[in-house]
N, C-alpha and C. Protein backbone atom coordinates (compact mmCIF):
# COMPACT_ATOMS: atom_id res chain seq x y z
N MET A 1 56.10 110.97 152.74
CA MET A 1 56.81 110.06 153.63
C MET A 1 57.54 109.01 152.79
N LYS A 2 58.79 108.74 153.15
CA LYS A 2 59.60 107.78 152.40
C LYS A 2 59.05 106.38 152.61
N ARG A 3 58.90 105.64 151.52
CA ARG A 3 58.37 104.29 151.59
C ARG A 3 59.38 103.37 152.25
N ARG A 4 58.90 102.56 153.17
CA ARG A 4 59.78 101.61 153.86
C ARG A 4 59.49 100.21 153.35
N TYR A 5 60.51 99.59 152.77
CA TYR A 5 60.33 98.26 152.20
C TYR A 5 60.51 97.19 153.28
N TRP A 6 59.85 96.06 153.03
CA TRP A 6 59.98 94.94 153.95
C TRP A 6 61.27 94.18 153.65
N THR A 7 62.08 93.95 154.67
CA THR A 7 63.29 93.15 154.51
C THR A 7 62.95 91.68 154.73
N ASP A 8 63.84 90.80 154.32
CA ASP A 8 63.63 89.37 154.55
C ASP A 8 63.54 89.08 156.05
N GLU A 9 64.34 89.83 156.85
CA GLU A 9 64.30 89.61 158.31
C GLU A 9 62.94 90.01 158.88
N ASP A 10 62.38 91.13 158.40
CA ASP A 10 61.07 91.57 158.87
C ASP A 10 60.00 90.53 158.53
N VAL A 11 60.05 90.02 157.31
CA VAL A 11 59.07 89.03 156.88
C VAL A 11 59.18 87.76 157.72
N ALA A 12 60.42 87.34 158.01
CA ALA A 12 60.62 86.13 158.81
C ALA A 12 60.06 86.29 160.21
N VAL A 13 60.27 87.47 160.81
CA VAL A 13 59.72 87.73 162.14
C VAL A 13 58.20 87.73 162.11
N LEU A 14 57.64 88.35 161.08
CA LEU A 14 56.18 88.38 160.94
C LEU A 14 55.62 86.97 160.81
N ARG A 15 56.24 86.15 159.99
CA ARG A 15 55.77 84.78 159.82
C ARG A 15 55.83 84.00 161.13
N ALA A 16 56.89 84.25 161.91
CA ALA A 16 57.11 83.48 163.13
C ALA A 16 56.21 83.91 164.28
N THR A 17 55.69 85.14 164.23
CA THR A 17 54.95 85.66 165.39
C THR A 17 53.48 85.98 165.13
N TYR A 18 53.08 86.12 163.87
CA TYR A 18 51.75 86.65 163.60
C TYR A 18 50.63 85.81 164.20
N ALA A 19 50.73 84.49 164.11
CA ALA A 19 49.64 83.62 164.56
C ALA A 19 49.39 83.73 166.06
N HIS A 20 50.44 84.02 166.84
CA HIS A 20 50.32 83.92 168.30
C HIS A 20 50.49 85.25 169.03
N CYS A 21 50.66 86.34 168.32
CA CYS A 21 50.89 87.64 168.96
C CYS A 21 49.89 88.68 168.47
N ASN A 22 49.56 89.61 169.34
CA ASN A 22 48.69 90.72 169.00
C ASN A 22 49.35 91.56 167.90
N THR A 23 48.55 91.98 166.91
CA THR A 23 49.10 92.73 165.77
C THR A 23 49.75 94.04 166.21
N ALA A 24 49.14 94.74 167.17
CA ALA A 24 49.70 96.00 167.64
C ALA A 24 51.07 95.79 168.28
N ASN A 25 51.23 94.67 169.00
CA ASN A 25 52.51 94.39 169.64
C ASN A 25 53.59 94.09 168.59
N ILE A 26 53.22 93.35 167.55
CA ILE A 26 54.17 93.08 166.48
C ILE A 26 54.56 94.37 165.78
N ALA A 27 53.58 95.26 165.58
CA ALA A 27 53.85 96.55 164.93
C ALA A 27 54.87 97.35 165.72
N ARG A 28 54.73 97.38 167.05
CA ARG A 28 55.70 98.11 167.88
C ARG A 28 57.09 97.48 167.78
N THR A 29 57.13 96.15 167.73
CA THR A 29 58.42 95.46 167.64
C THR A 29 59.13 95.77 166.33
N LEU A 30 58.37 95.83 165.24
CA LEU A 30 58.97 96.07 163.91
C LEU A 30 59.01 97.54 163.54
N GLY A 31 58.44 98.40 164.40
CA GLY A 31 58.44 99.83 164.12
C GLY A 31 57.58 100.22 162.95
N ARG A 32 56.40 99.58 162.83
CA ARG A 32 55.49 99.86 161.74
C ARG A 32 54.09 100.11 162.27
N GLU A 33 53.19 100.56 161.39
CA GLU A 33 51.81 100.76 161.77
C GLU A 33 51.08 99.41 161.76
N PRO A 34 50.12 99.23 162.68
CA PRO A 34 49.36 97.97 162.68
C PRO A 34 48.70 97.67 161.33
N ALA A 35 48.23 98.71 160.64
CA ALA A 35 47.60 98.50 159.34
C ALA A 35 48.58 97.90 158.33
N HIS A 36 49.86 98.32 158.42
CA HIS A 36 50.88 97.77 157.52
C HIS A 36 51.15 96.30 157.85
N ILE A 37 51.16 95.98 159.14
CA ILE A 37 51.36 94.59 159.56
C ILE A 37 50.23 93.72 159.04
N GLN A 38 48.99 94.23 159.19
CA GLN A 38 47.83 93.46 158.75
C GLN A 38 47.84 93.26 157.24
N ALA A 39 48.18 94.31 156.50
CA ALA A 39 48.20 94.21 155.04
C ALA A 39 49.24 93.20 154.56
N LYS A 40 50.41 93.23 155.19
CA LYS A 40 51.47 92.28 154.80
C LYS A 40 51.08 90.86 155.16
N ALA A 41 50.47 90.68 156.34
CA ALA A 41 50.02 89.35 156.75
C ALA A 41 48.98 88.80 155.78
N ASN A 42 48.06 89.66 155.35
CA ASN A 42 47.05 89.24 154.37
C ASN A 42 47.70 88.82 153.05
N ALA A 43 48.70 89.59 152.64
CA ALA A 43 49.38 89.28 151.39
C ALA A 43 50.12 87.95 151.46
N LEU A 44 50.61 87.61 152.65
CA LEU A 44 51.34 86.35 152.85
C LEU A 44 50.41 85.19 153.18
N GLY A 45 49.13 85.49 153.37
CA GLY A 45 48.18 84.44 153.71
C GLY A 45 48.28 83.96 155.15
N LEU A 46 48.78 84.81 156.05
CA LEU A 46 48.93 84.42 157.45
C LEU A 46 47.60 84.57 158.19
N LYS A 47 47.38 83.72 159.16
CA LYS A 47 46.16 83.74 159.96
C LYS A 47 46.51 83.72 161.45
N LYS A 48 45.61 84.30 162.25
CA LYS A 48 45.76 84.22 163.70
C LYS A 48 45.35 82.83 164.18
N SER A 49 45.99 82.36 165.25
CA SER A 49 45.64 81.06 165.81
C SER A 49 44.29 81.14 166.51
N ARG A 50 43.61 80.02 166.63
CA ARG A 50 42.33 79.97 167.32
C ARG A 50 42.51 80.38 168.78
N GLU A 51 43.63 79.98 169.38
CA GLU A 51 43.87 80.31 170.78
C GLU A 51 43.97 81.81 171.00
N LEU A 52 44.67 82.52 170.08
CA LEU A 52 44.81 83.96 170.23
C LEU A 52 43.48 84.66 169.99
N ILE A 53 42.73 84.22 169.00
CA ILE A 53 41.43 84.82 168.71
C ILE A 53 40.50 84.67 169.91
N ALA A 54 40.50 83.48 170.52
CA ALA A 54 39.65 83.24 171.68
C ALA A 54 40.07 84.10 172.86
N ALA A 55 41.39 84.21 173.08
CA ALA A 55 41.89 85.00 174.21
C ALA A 55 41.56 86.48 174.04
N GLU A 56 41.70 87.01 172.83
CA GLU A 56 41.41 88.41 172.59
C GLU A 56 39.92 88.69 172.68
N ALA A 57 39.10 87.74 172.20
CA ALA A 57 37.65 87.91 172.29
C ALA A 57 37.21 87.94 173.75
N LEU A 58 37.81 87.07 174.57
CA LEU A 58 37.47 87.04 175.99
C LEU A 58 37.87 88.33 176.66
N ALA A 59 39.07 88.83 176.34
CA ALA A 59 39.54 90.08 176.95
C ALA A 59 38.64 91.25 176.54
N ASN A 60 38.24 91.28 175.27
CA ASN A 60 37.37 92.36 174.80
C ASN A 60 35.99 92.31 175.45
N SER A 61 35.47 91.08 175.65
CA SER A 61 34.14 90.95 176.23
C SER A 61 34.09 91.38 177.68
N GLN A 62 35.26 91.41 178.34
CA GLN A 62 35.31 91.79 179.75
C GLN A 62 35.53 93.29 179.95
N ALA A 63 35.73 94.03 178.85
CA ALA A 63 35.90 95.47 178.94
C ALA A 63 34.59 96.13 179.37
N PRO A 64 34.63 97.14 180.24
CA PRO A 64 33.40 97.76 180.76
C PRO A 64 32.46 98.29 179.68
N GLY A 65 33.00 98.82 178.58
CA GLY A 65 32.17 99.41 177.55
C GLY A 65 31.74 98.46 176.46
N HIS A 66 32.06 97.17 176.59
CA HIS A 66 31.70 96.20 175.56
C HIS A 66 30.18 96.04 175.49
N GLY A 67 29.66 95.84 174.26
CA GLY A 67 28.22 95.71 174.07
C GLY A 67 27.62 94.59 174.90
N PHE A 68 28.38 93.53 175.09
CA PHE A 68 27.89 92.42 175.90
C PHE A 68 27.58 92.88 177.33
N LYS A 69 28.46 93.72 177.88
CA LYS A 69 28.25 94.22 179.24
C LYS A 69 27.08 95.19 179.29
N LEU A 70 26.94 96.00 178.25
CA LEU A 70 25.90 97.03 178.26
C LEU A 70 24.50 96.44 178.13
N HIS A 71 24.39 95.31 177.42
CA HIS A 71 23.06 94.77 177.12
C HIS A 71 22.75 93.44 177.81
N GLN A 72 23.64 92.96 178.64
CA GLN A 72 23.34 91.71 179.32
C GLN A 72 22.29 91.93 180.41
N PHE A 73 21.57 90.89 180.75
CA PHE A 73 20.53 90.99 181.77
C PHE A 73 21.16 91.25 183.13
N ARG A 74 20.53 92.16 183.87
CA ARG A 74 20.95 92.43 185.25
C ARG A 74 20.10 91.62 186.22
N LYS A 75 20.61 91.43 187.39
CA LYS A 75 19.89 90.69 188.42
C LYS A 75 18.55 91.39 188.69
N GLY A 76 17.46 90.63 188.64
CA GLY A 76 16.12 91.17 188.88
C GLY A 76 15.42 91.65 187.63
N GLN A 77 16.14 91.72 186.50
CA GLN A 77 15.53 92.18 185.26
C GLN A 77 14.67 91.06 184.67
N VAL A 78 13.49 91.40 184.16
CA VAL A 78 12.55 90.40 183.65
C VAL A 78 12.58 90.41 182.12
N PRO A 79 12.80 89.26 181.46
CA PRO A 79 12.80 89.23 179.98
C PRO A 79 11.42 89.54 179.44
N LEU A 80 11.40 90.12 178.23
CA LEU A 80 10.13 90.55 177.63
C LEU A 80 9.19 89.38 177.36
N ASN A 81 9.72 88.21 177.08
CA ASN A 81 8.86 87.08 176.72
C ASN A 81 8.59 86.14 177.89
N LYS A 82 8.83 86.58 179.11
CA LYS A 82 8.56 85.72 180.26
C LYS A 82 7.07 85.36 180.32
N GLY A 83 6.79 84.07 180.44
CA GLY A 83 5.42 83.60 180.54
C GLY A 83 4.67 83.54 179.23
N VAL A 84 5.33 83.90 178.13
CA VAL A 84 4.68 83.88 176.82
C VAL A 84 5.07 82.60 176.10
N LYS A 85 4.12 81.78 175.72
CA LYS A 85 4.39 80.53 175.03
C LYS A 85 4.39 80.76 173.53
N GLY A 86 5.44 80.27 172.88
CA GLY A 86 5.51 80.40 171.42
C GLY A 86 5.73 81.84 170.99
N TRP A 87 6.82 82.46 171.43
CA TRP A 87 7.13 83.85 171.09
C TRP A 87 7.13 84.03 169.58
N ASP A 88 6.37 85.02 169.12
CA ASP A 88 6.22 85.25 167.68
C ASP A 88 6.88 86.56 167.30
N SER A 89 7.90 86.46 166.42
CA SER A 89 8.61 87.67 166.00
C SER A 89 7.91 88.38 164.85
N GLY A 90 6.80 87.80 164.34
CA GLY A 90 6.05 88.44 163.25
C GLY A 90 6.66 88.17 161.89
N GLY A 91 6.15 88.87 160.86
CA GLY A 91 6.67 88.72 159.51
C GLY A 91 6.44 87.33 158.96
N ARG A 92 7.43 86.83 158.19
CA ARG A 92 7.32 85.51 157.56
C ARG A 92 7.99 84.42 158.39
N SER A 93 8.15 84.67 159.69
CA SER A 93 8.89 83.71 160.51
C SER A 93 8.26 82.33 160.50
N HIS A 94 6.92 82.26 160.49
CA HIS A 94 6.24 80.96 160.50
C HIS A 94 6.56 80.18 159.22
N ALA A 95 6.56 80.88 158.09
CA ALA A 95 6.75 80.21 156.80
C ALA A 95 8.18 79.70 156.62
N THR A 96 9.14 80.36 157.26
CA THR A 96 10.54 80.02 157.04
C THR A 96 11.14 79.15 158.13
N ARG A 97 10.38 78.82 159.16
CA ARG A 97 10.90 77.98 160.23
C ARG A 97 11.02 76.53 159.75
N PHE A 98 12.03 75.83 160.34
CA PHE A 98 12.15 74.41 160.06
C PHE A 98 11.02 73.66 160.76
N LYS A 99 10.43 72.71 160.05
CA LYS A 99 9.41 71.87 160.64
C LYS A 99 10.08 70.66 161.30
N ALA A 100 9.36 70.01 162.18
CA ALA A 100 9.89 68.85 162.88
C ALA A 100 10.34 67.80 161.87
N GLY A 101 11.58 67.33 162.01
CA GLY A 101 12.12 66.32 161.11
C GLY A 101 12.78 66.86 159.87
N GLU A 102 12.64 68.16 159.59
CA GLU A 102 13.27 68.75 158.41
C GLU A 102 14.76 69.00 158.67
N ARG A 103 15.52 68.95 157.59
CA ARG A 103 16.96 69.21 157.68
C ARG A 103 17.32 70.29 156.66
N PRO A 104 18.37 71.09 156.94
CA PRO A 104 18.80 72.10 155.97
C PRO A 104 19.32 71.45 154.70
N HIS A 105 19.34 72.21 153.60
CA HIS A 105 19.76 71.65 152.32
C HIS A 105 21.23 71.25 152.32
N THR A 106 22.01 71.76 153.29
CA THR A 106 23.43 71.43 153.36
C THR A 106 23.69 70.14 154.12
N TRP A 107 22.64 69.52 154.67
CA TRP A 107 22.82 68.31 155.48
C TRP A 107 23.39 67.18 154.63
N MET A 108 24.32 66.39 155.26
CA MET A 108 24.90 65.23 154.61
C MET A 108 24.80 64.04 155.55
N PRO A 109 24.58 62.85 155.03
CA PRO A 109 24.42 61.68 155.90
C PRO A 109 25.72 61.26 156.57
N ILE A 110 25.58 60.52 157.69
CA ILE A 110 26.74 59.99 158.39
C ILE A 110 27.53 59.09 157.44
N GLY A 111 28.86 59.23 157.48
CA GLY A 111 29.72 58.48 156.56
C GLY A 111 30.15 59.28 155.35
N SER A 112 29.56 60.48 155.18
CA SER A 112 29.94 61.35 154.05
C SER A 112 31.34 61.92 154.28
N TYR A 113 31.98 62.32 153.18
CA TYR A 113 33.30 62.94 153.25
C TYR A 113 33.22 64.37 152.74
N ARG A 114 34.10 65.21 153.26
CA ARG A 114 34.20 66.58 152.79
C ARG A 114 35.63 67.07 152.98
N LEU A 115 36.00 68.11 152.25
CA LEU A 115 37.31 68.73 152.39
C LEU A 115 37.17 69.96 153.27
N ASN A 116 37.91 69.99 154.37
CA ASN A 116 37.92 71.16 155.25
C ASN A 116 38.81 72.22 154.61
N LYS A 117 38.20 73.32 154.15
CA LYS A 117 38.96 74.35 153.45
C LYS A 117 39.90 75.10 154.39
N GLY A 118 39.63 75.04 155.69
CA GLY A 118 40.49 75.75 156.64
C GLY A 118 41.86 75.12 156.78
N ASP A 119 41.92 73.79 156.97
CA ASP A 119 43.22 73.14 157.17
C ASP A 119 43.59 72.20 156.03
N GLY A 120 42.70 72.04 155.03
CA GLY A 120 43.03 71.23 153.87
C GLY A 120 42.97 69.73 154.11
N ASN A 121 42.30 69.29 155.19
CA ASN A 121 42.24 67.87 155.50
C ASN A 121 40.90 67.27 155.06
N LEU A 122 40.93 66.00 154.71
CA LEU A 122 39.71 65.26 154.39
C LEU A 122 39.04 64.85 155.69
N GLU A 123 37.72 65.08 155.79
CA GLU A 123 36.98 64.75 157.01
C GLU A 123 35.83 63.80 156.69
N ARG A 124 35.41 63.03 157.72
CA ARG A 124 34.27 62.13 157.59
C ARG A 124 33.24 62.47 158.66
N LYS A 125 31.98 62.45 158.28
CA LYS A 125 30.92 62.71 159.24
C LYS A 125 30.69 61.46 160.07
N VAL A 126 30.72 61.62 161.41
CA VAL A 126 30.64 60.45 162.29
C VAL A 126 29.35 60.42 163.11
N ASN A 127 28.60 61.52 163.15
CA ASN A 127 27.34 61.51 163.90
C ASN A 127 26.48 62.69 163.45
N ASP A 128 25.28 62.79 164.01
CA ASP A 128 24.37 63.88 163.69
C ASP A 128 24.05 64.71 164.93
N LEU A 129 24.97 64.75 165.87
CA LEU A 129 24.74 65.48 167.10
C LEU A 129 24.68 66.98 166.84
N PRO A 130 23.90 67.72 167.61
CA PRO A 130 23.85 69.18 167.44
C PRO A 130 25.14 69.83 167.95
N GLY A 131 25.36 71.06 167.52
CA GLY A 131 26.53 71.80 167.98
C GLY A 131 27.46 72.16 166.84
N ALA A 132 28.69 72.48 167.20
CA ALA A 132 29.69 72.90 166.21
C ALA A 132 30.04 71.77 165.25
N ASN A 133 30.54 72.14 164.07
CA ASN A 133 30.85 71.15 163.04
C ASN A 133 31.86 70.11 163.50
N HIS A 134 32.83 70.52 164.33
CA HIS A 134 33.88 69.58 164.71
C HIS A 134 33.35 68.43 165.56
N ILE A 135 32.13 68.57 166.08
CA ILE A 135 31.51 67.47 166.83
C ILE A 135 31.07 66.36 165.87
N ARG A 136 30.60 66.76 164.69
CA ARG A 136 30.08 65.79 163.71
C ARG A 136 31.13 65.33 162.71
N TRP A 137 32.09 66.17 162.41
CA TRP A 137 33.08 65.86 161.37
C TRP A 137 34.46 65.67 162.00
N LYS A 138 35.14 64.57 161.65
CA LYS A 138 36.45 64.27 162.19
C LYS A 138 37.45 64.06 161.05
N PRO A 139 38.70 64.51 161.22
CA PRO A 139 39.71 64.29 160.18
C PRO A 139 39.92 62.79 159.96
N VAL A 140 39.97 62.39 158.72
CA VAL A 140 40.12 60.98 158.39
C VAL A 140 41.43 60.43 158.93
N HIS A 141 42.51 61.20 158.85
CA HIS A 141 43.80 60.68 159.32
C HIS A 141 43.79 60.41 160.83
N ARG A 142 43.01 61.20 161.56
CA ARG A 142 42.87 60.94 162.99
C ARG A 142 42.04 59.68 163.23
N LEU A 143 40.97 59.50 162.48
CA LEU A 143 40.14 58.31 162.63
C LEU A 143 40.93 57.05 162.31
N VAL A 144 41.81 57.13 161.31
CA VAL A 144 42.65 55.98 160.96
C VAL A 144 43.55 55.60 162.13
N TRP A 145 44.15 56.59 162.76
CA TRP A 145 45.05 56.33 163.90
C TRP A 145 44.26 55.79 165.09
N GLU A 146 43.11 56.40 165.39
CA GLU A 146 42.32 55.99 166.54
C GLU A 146 41.74 54.58 166.37
N ALA A 147 41.49 54.16 165.15
CA ALA A 147 40.95 52.83 164.91
C ALA A 147 41.90 51.74 165.41
N VAL A 148 43.19 52.06 165.45
CA VAL A 148 44.19 51.09 165.90
C VAL A 148 44.64 51.35 167.34
N HIS A 149 44.83 52.63 167.69
CA HIS A 149 45.43 52.97 168.98
C HIS A 149 44.45 53.49 170.02
N GLY A 150 43.23 53.82 169.63
CA GLY A 150 42.28 54.37 170.58
C GLY A 150 42.34 55.90 170.62
N PRO A 151 41.65 56.52 171.59
CA PRO A 151 41.58 57.98 171.66
C PRO A 151 42.97 58.63 171.73
N VAL A 152 43.08 59.81 171.13
CA VAL A 152 44.34 60.57 171.15
C VAL A 152 44.58 61.11 172.55
N PRO A 153 45.76 60.90 173.14
CA PRO A 153 46.04 61.41 174.49
C PRO A 153 45.99 62.94 174.54
N ASP A 154 45.67 63.48 175.70
CA ASP A 154 45.65 64.93 175.88
C ASP A 154 47.02 65.52 175.58
N GLY A 155 47.02 66.69 174.94
CA GLY A 155 48.27 67.38 174.64
C GLY A 155 49.01 66.84 173.44
N GLN A 156 48.41 65.92 172.69
CA GLN A 156 49.06 65.37 171.52
C GLN A 156 48.11 65.45 170.32
N ARG A 157 48.68 65.35 169.13
CA ARG A 157 47.91 65.45 167.91
C ARG A 157 48.35 64.38 166.91
N VAL A 158 47.40 63.91 166.11
CA VAL A 158 47.72 63.00 165.01
C VAL A 158 47.96 63.86 163.77
N VAL A 159 49.10 63.70 163.14
CA VAL A 159 49.45 64.50 161.96
C VAL A 159 50.01 63.57 160.88
N PHE A 160 50.04 64.07 159.67
CA PHE A 160 50.69 63.35 158.59
C PHE A 160 52.21 63.41 158.76
N LYS A 161 52.87 62.36 158.39
CA LYS A 161 54.33 62.38 158.37
C LYS A 161 54.77 63.35 157.26
N PRO A 162 55.94 63.96 157.40
CA PRO A 162 56.40 64.91 156.37
C PRO A 162 56.32 64.30 154.97
N GLY A 163 55.66 65.04 154.07
CA GLY A 163 55.55 64.62 152.69
C GLY A 163 54.46 63.61 152.41
N ARG A 164 53.66 63.24 153.44
CA ARG A 164 52.63 62.22 153.24
C ARG A 164 51.21 62.77 153.25
N HIS A 165 51.04 64.08 153.39
CA HIS A 165 49.69 64.64 153.44
C HIS A 165 48.93 64.34 152.15
N SER A 166 47.66 63.95 152.32
CA SER A 166 46.85 63.63 151.15
C SER A 166 45.37 63.81 151.49
N VAL A 167 44.58 64.06 150.46
CA VAL A 167 43.12 64.10 150.61
C VAL A 167 42.50 62.94 149.84
N GLN A 168 43.32 62.02 149.35
CA GLN A 168 42.84 60.82 148.68
C GLN A 168 42.67 59.73 149.74
N LEU A 169 41.48 59.19 149.83
CA LEU A 169 41.14 58.26 150.90
C LEU A 169 42.09 57.06 150.94
N ASP A 170 42.44 56.51 149.78
CA ASP A 170 43.27 55.31 149.77
C ASP A 170 44.72 55.59 150.15
N LEU A 171 45.10 56.87 150.22
CA LEU A 171 46.48 57.22 150.61
C LEU A 171 46.58 57.62 152.08
N ILE A 172 45.45 57.75 152.75
CA ILE A 172 45.46 58.11 154.17
C ILE A 172 45.47 56.81 154.96
N THR A 173 46.66 56.28 155.17
CA THR A 173 46.84 55.00 155.83
C THR A 173 47.63 55.17 157.12
N LEU A 174 47.64 54.12 157.93
CA LEU A 174 48.29 54.21 159.24
C LEU A 174 49.77 54.56 159.14
N ASP A 175 50.44 54.07 158.11
CA ASP A 175 51.88 54.34 157.97
C ASP A 175 52.15 55.77 157.50
N ALA A 176 51.07 56.52 157.14
CA ALA A 176 51.25 57.90 156.67
C ALA A 176 51.08 58.92 157.79
N VAL A 177 50.67 58.46 158.97
CA VAL A 177 50.40 59.39 160.07
C VAL A 177 51.23 59.03 161.30
N GLU A 178 51.29 59.97 162.23
CA GLU A 178 52.03 59.75 163.47
C GLU A 178 51.50 60.65 164.56
N LEU A 179 51.82 60.32 165.80
CA LEU A 179 51.39 61.07 166.97
C LEU A 179 52.54 61.96 167.43
N VAL A 180 52.27 63.28 167.60
CA VAL A 180 53.30 64.21 168.06
C VAL A 180 52.73 65.07 169.18
N ASP A 181 53.62 65.62 170.03
CA ASP A 181 53.16 66.52 171.07
C ASP A 181 53.05 67.94 170.52
N MET A 182 52.51 68.86 171.32
CA MET A 182 52.24 70.21 170.84
C MET A 182 53.53 70.96 170.52
N ALA A 183 54.59 70.69 171.29
CA ALA A 183 55.86 71.38 171.04
C ALA A 183 56.41 71.01 169.66
N GLU A 184 56.34 69.72 169.32
CA GLU A 184 56.82 69.28 168.02
C GLU A 184 55.93 69.82 166.90
N LEU A 185 54.61 69.86 167.15
CA LEU A 185 53.70 70.39 166.15
C LEU A 185 53.98 71.86 165.88
N MET A 186 54.23 72.65 166.94
CA MET A 186 54.53 74.06 166.76
C MET A 186 55.84 74.24 166.00
N ARG A 187 56.83 73.41 166.31
CA ARG A 187 58.11 73.50 165.62
C ARG A 187 57.95 73.27 164.12
N ARG A 188 57.17 72.26 163.78
CA ARG A 188 56.95 71.96 162.36
C ARG A 188 56.19 73.08 161.66
N ASN A 189 55.16 73.59 162.32
CA ASN A 189 54.35 74.66 161.71
C ASN A 189 55.13 75.94 161.56
N SER A 190 56.13 76.15 162.40
CA SER A 190 56.94 77.37 162.31
C SER A 190 57.98 77.26 161.21
N VAL A 191 58.67 76.12 161.18
CA VAL A 191 59.80 75.98 160.26
C VAL A 191 59.36 75.92 158.81
N HIS A 192 58.27 75.21 158.51
CA HIS A 192 57.95 74.99 157.10
C HIS A 192 57.49 76.26 156.41
N ARG A 193 57.15 77.32 157.16
CA ARG A 193 56.71 78.57 156.53
C ARG A 193 57.89 79.49 156.25
N LEU A 194 59.03 79.22 156.83
CA LEU A 194 60.16 80.13 156.69
C LEU A 194 61.03 79.73 155.50
N PRO A 195 61.62 80.72 154.81
CA PRO A 195 62.59 80.39 153.77
C PRO A 195 63.76 79.63 154.41
N PRO A 196 64.43 78.75 153.67
CA PRO A 196 65.51 77.95 154.26
C PRO A 196 66.57 78.79 154.96
N GLU A 197 66.89 79.95 154.38
CA GLU A 197 67.95 80.77 154.97
C GLU A 197 67.55 81.38 156.31
N PHE A 198 66.24 81.33 156.67
CA PHE A 198 65.81 81.88 157.94
C PHE A 198 65.23 80.81 158.88
N ALA A 199 65.50 79.55 158.56
CA ALA A 199 64.96 78.48 159.41
C ALA A 199 65.44 78.60 160.85
N GLU A 200 66.64 79.15 161.05
CA GLU A 200 67.16 79.29 162.41
C GLU A 200 66.28 80.20 163.25
N LEU A 201 65.56 81.14 162.60
CA LEU A 201 64.68 82.03 163.36
C LEU A 201 63.56 81.28 164.05
N ALA A 202 63.19 80.14 163.51
CA ALA A 202 62.12 79.35 164.13
C ALA A 202 62.52 78.90 165.53
N ARG A 203 63.80 78.66 165.73
CA ARG A 203 64.29 78.23 167.05
C ARG A 203 64.09 79.31 168.09
N LEU A 204 64.11 80.59 167.65
CA LEU A 204 63.98 81.71 168.58
C LEU A 204 62.53 82.21 168.68
N ARG A 205 61.64 81.55 167.99
CA ARG A 205 60.26 82.00 167.93
C ARG A 205 59.60 82.09 169.29
N GLY A 206 59.77 81.06 170.08
CA GLY A 206 59.15 81.06 171.40
C GLY A 206 59.64 82.20 172.27
N LEU A 207 60.94 82.46 172.24
CA LEU A 207 61.50 83.55 173.03
C LEU A 207 60.93 84.90 172.59
N LEU A 208 60.82 85.08 171.29
CA LEU A 208 60.33 86.34 170.76
C LEU A 208 58.86 86.55 171.12
N VAL A 209 58.06 85.51 170.97
CA VAL A 209 56.64 85.61 171.30
C VAL A 209 56.46 85.94 172.77
N ARG A 210 57.18 85.25 173.63
CA ARG A 210 57.04 85.50 175.07
C ARG A 210 57.49 86.91 175.43
N ALA A 211 58.55 87.40 174.78
CA ALA A 211 59.02 88.74 175.08
C ALA A 211 58.00 89.80 174.68
N ILE A 212 57.38 89.63 173.51
CA ILE A 212 56.37 90.58 173.04
C ILE A 212 55.16 90.57 173.97
N ASN A 213 54.70 89.38 174.33
CA ASN A 213 53.54 89.29 175.21
C ASN A 213 53.84 89.84 176.60
N ARG A 214 55.06 89.65 177.09
CA ARG A 214 55.43 90.18 178.40
C ARG A 214 55.43 91.70 178.39
N LYS A 215 55.96 92.28 177.33
CA LYS A 215 55.95 93.74 177.21
C LYS A 215 54.53 94.28 177.15
N ALA A 216 53.66 93.54 176.45
CA ALA A 216 52.27 93.97 176.36
C ALA A 216 51.60 93.95 177.72
N ARG A 217 51.86 92.90 178.50
CA ARG A 217 51.27 92.83 179.84
C ARG A 217 51.80 93.94 180.75
N GLU A 218 53.10 94.22 180.63
CA GLU A 218 53.69 95.29 181.45
C GLU A 218 53.09 96.64 181.08
N ALA A 219 52.89 96.87 179.77
CA ALA A 219 52.30 98.15 179.33
C ALA A 219 50.87 98.27 179.80
N ALA A 220 50.13 97.16 179.79
CA ALA A 220 48.73 97.20 180.22
C ALA A 220 48.61 97.43 181.72
N ALA A 221 49.61 96.95 182.48
CA ALA A 221 49.56 97.09 183.94
C ALA A 221 50.03 98.45 184.41
N SER A 222 50.78 99.17 183.57
CA SER A 222 51.34 100.48 183.99
C SER A 222 50.32 101.59 183.82
């Protein structure tokens, strides 16, 4: 089979759509195999958005043959450990359990700083509440803005001004950050990844994403 090279236009489309579109749909749009799309995205360091990952996970979990559906409790079904106090799984479970008041070796005190490897932002620990990490750790640039203006309004984000991003605490100041809405944030995230000669494609990104998703919904409904 003749090797098909990636053109600059193909790469620009992939950059503009990969985070928010299903890989199979992008493959159909570009006339390539999904595996080729995934390999190129990996090479470019592209990632799926959290929103798309969550939406696809939800859709998969609702499929009739999904493991969640096959093994979930049915109405009237009795769990194996009902009425049993202190369920014991056997083995070395007793020796390896956390004792009351113990903390994992990765625990850090409130006020500690860390670098979030996912988005490259400096974060500060603000509490010891249980749950996901984002409950305990907050971006420093957001805390700086909130200290003056209060909670961030719904649908908006605190971001660094262009060229002001830093992980040095003394450089994360109020004049280095600003409040933007989601539309502006998406525009910035789209444009800065594109080569200058293809920046105009960012303007058409929304139309392209919506068209791909609409075709996918139509195909699923037919």
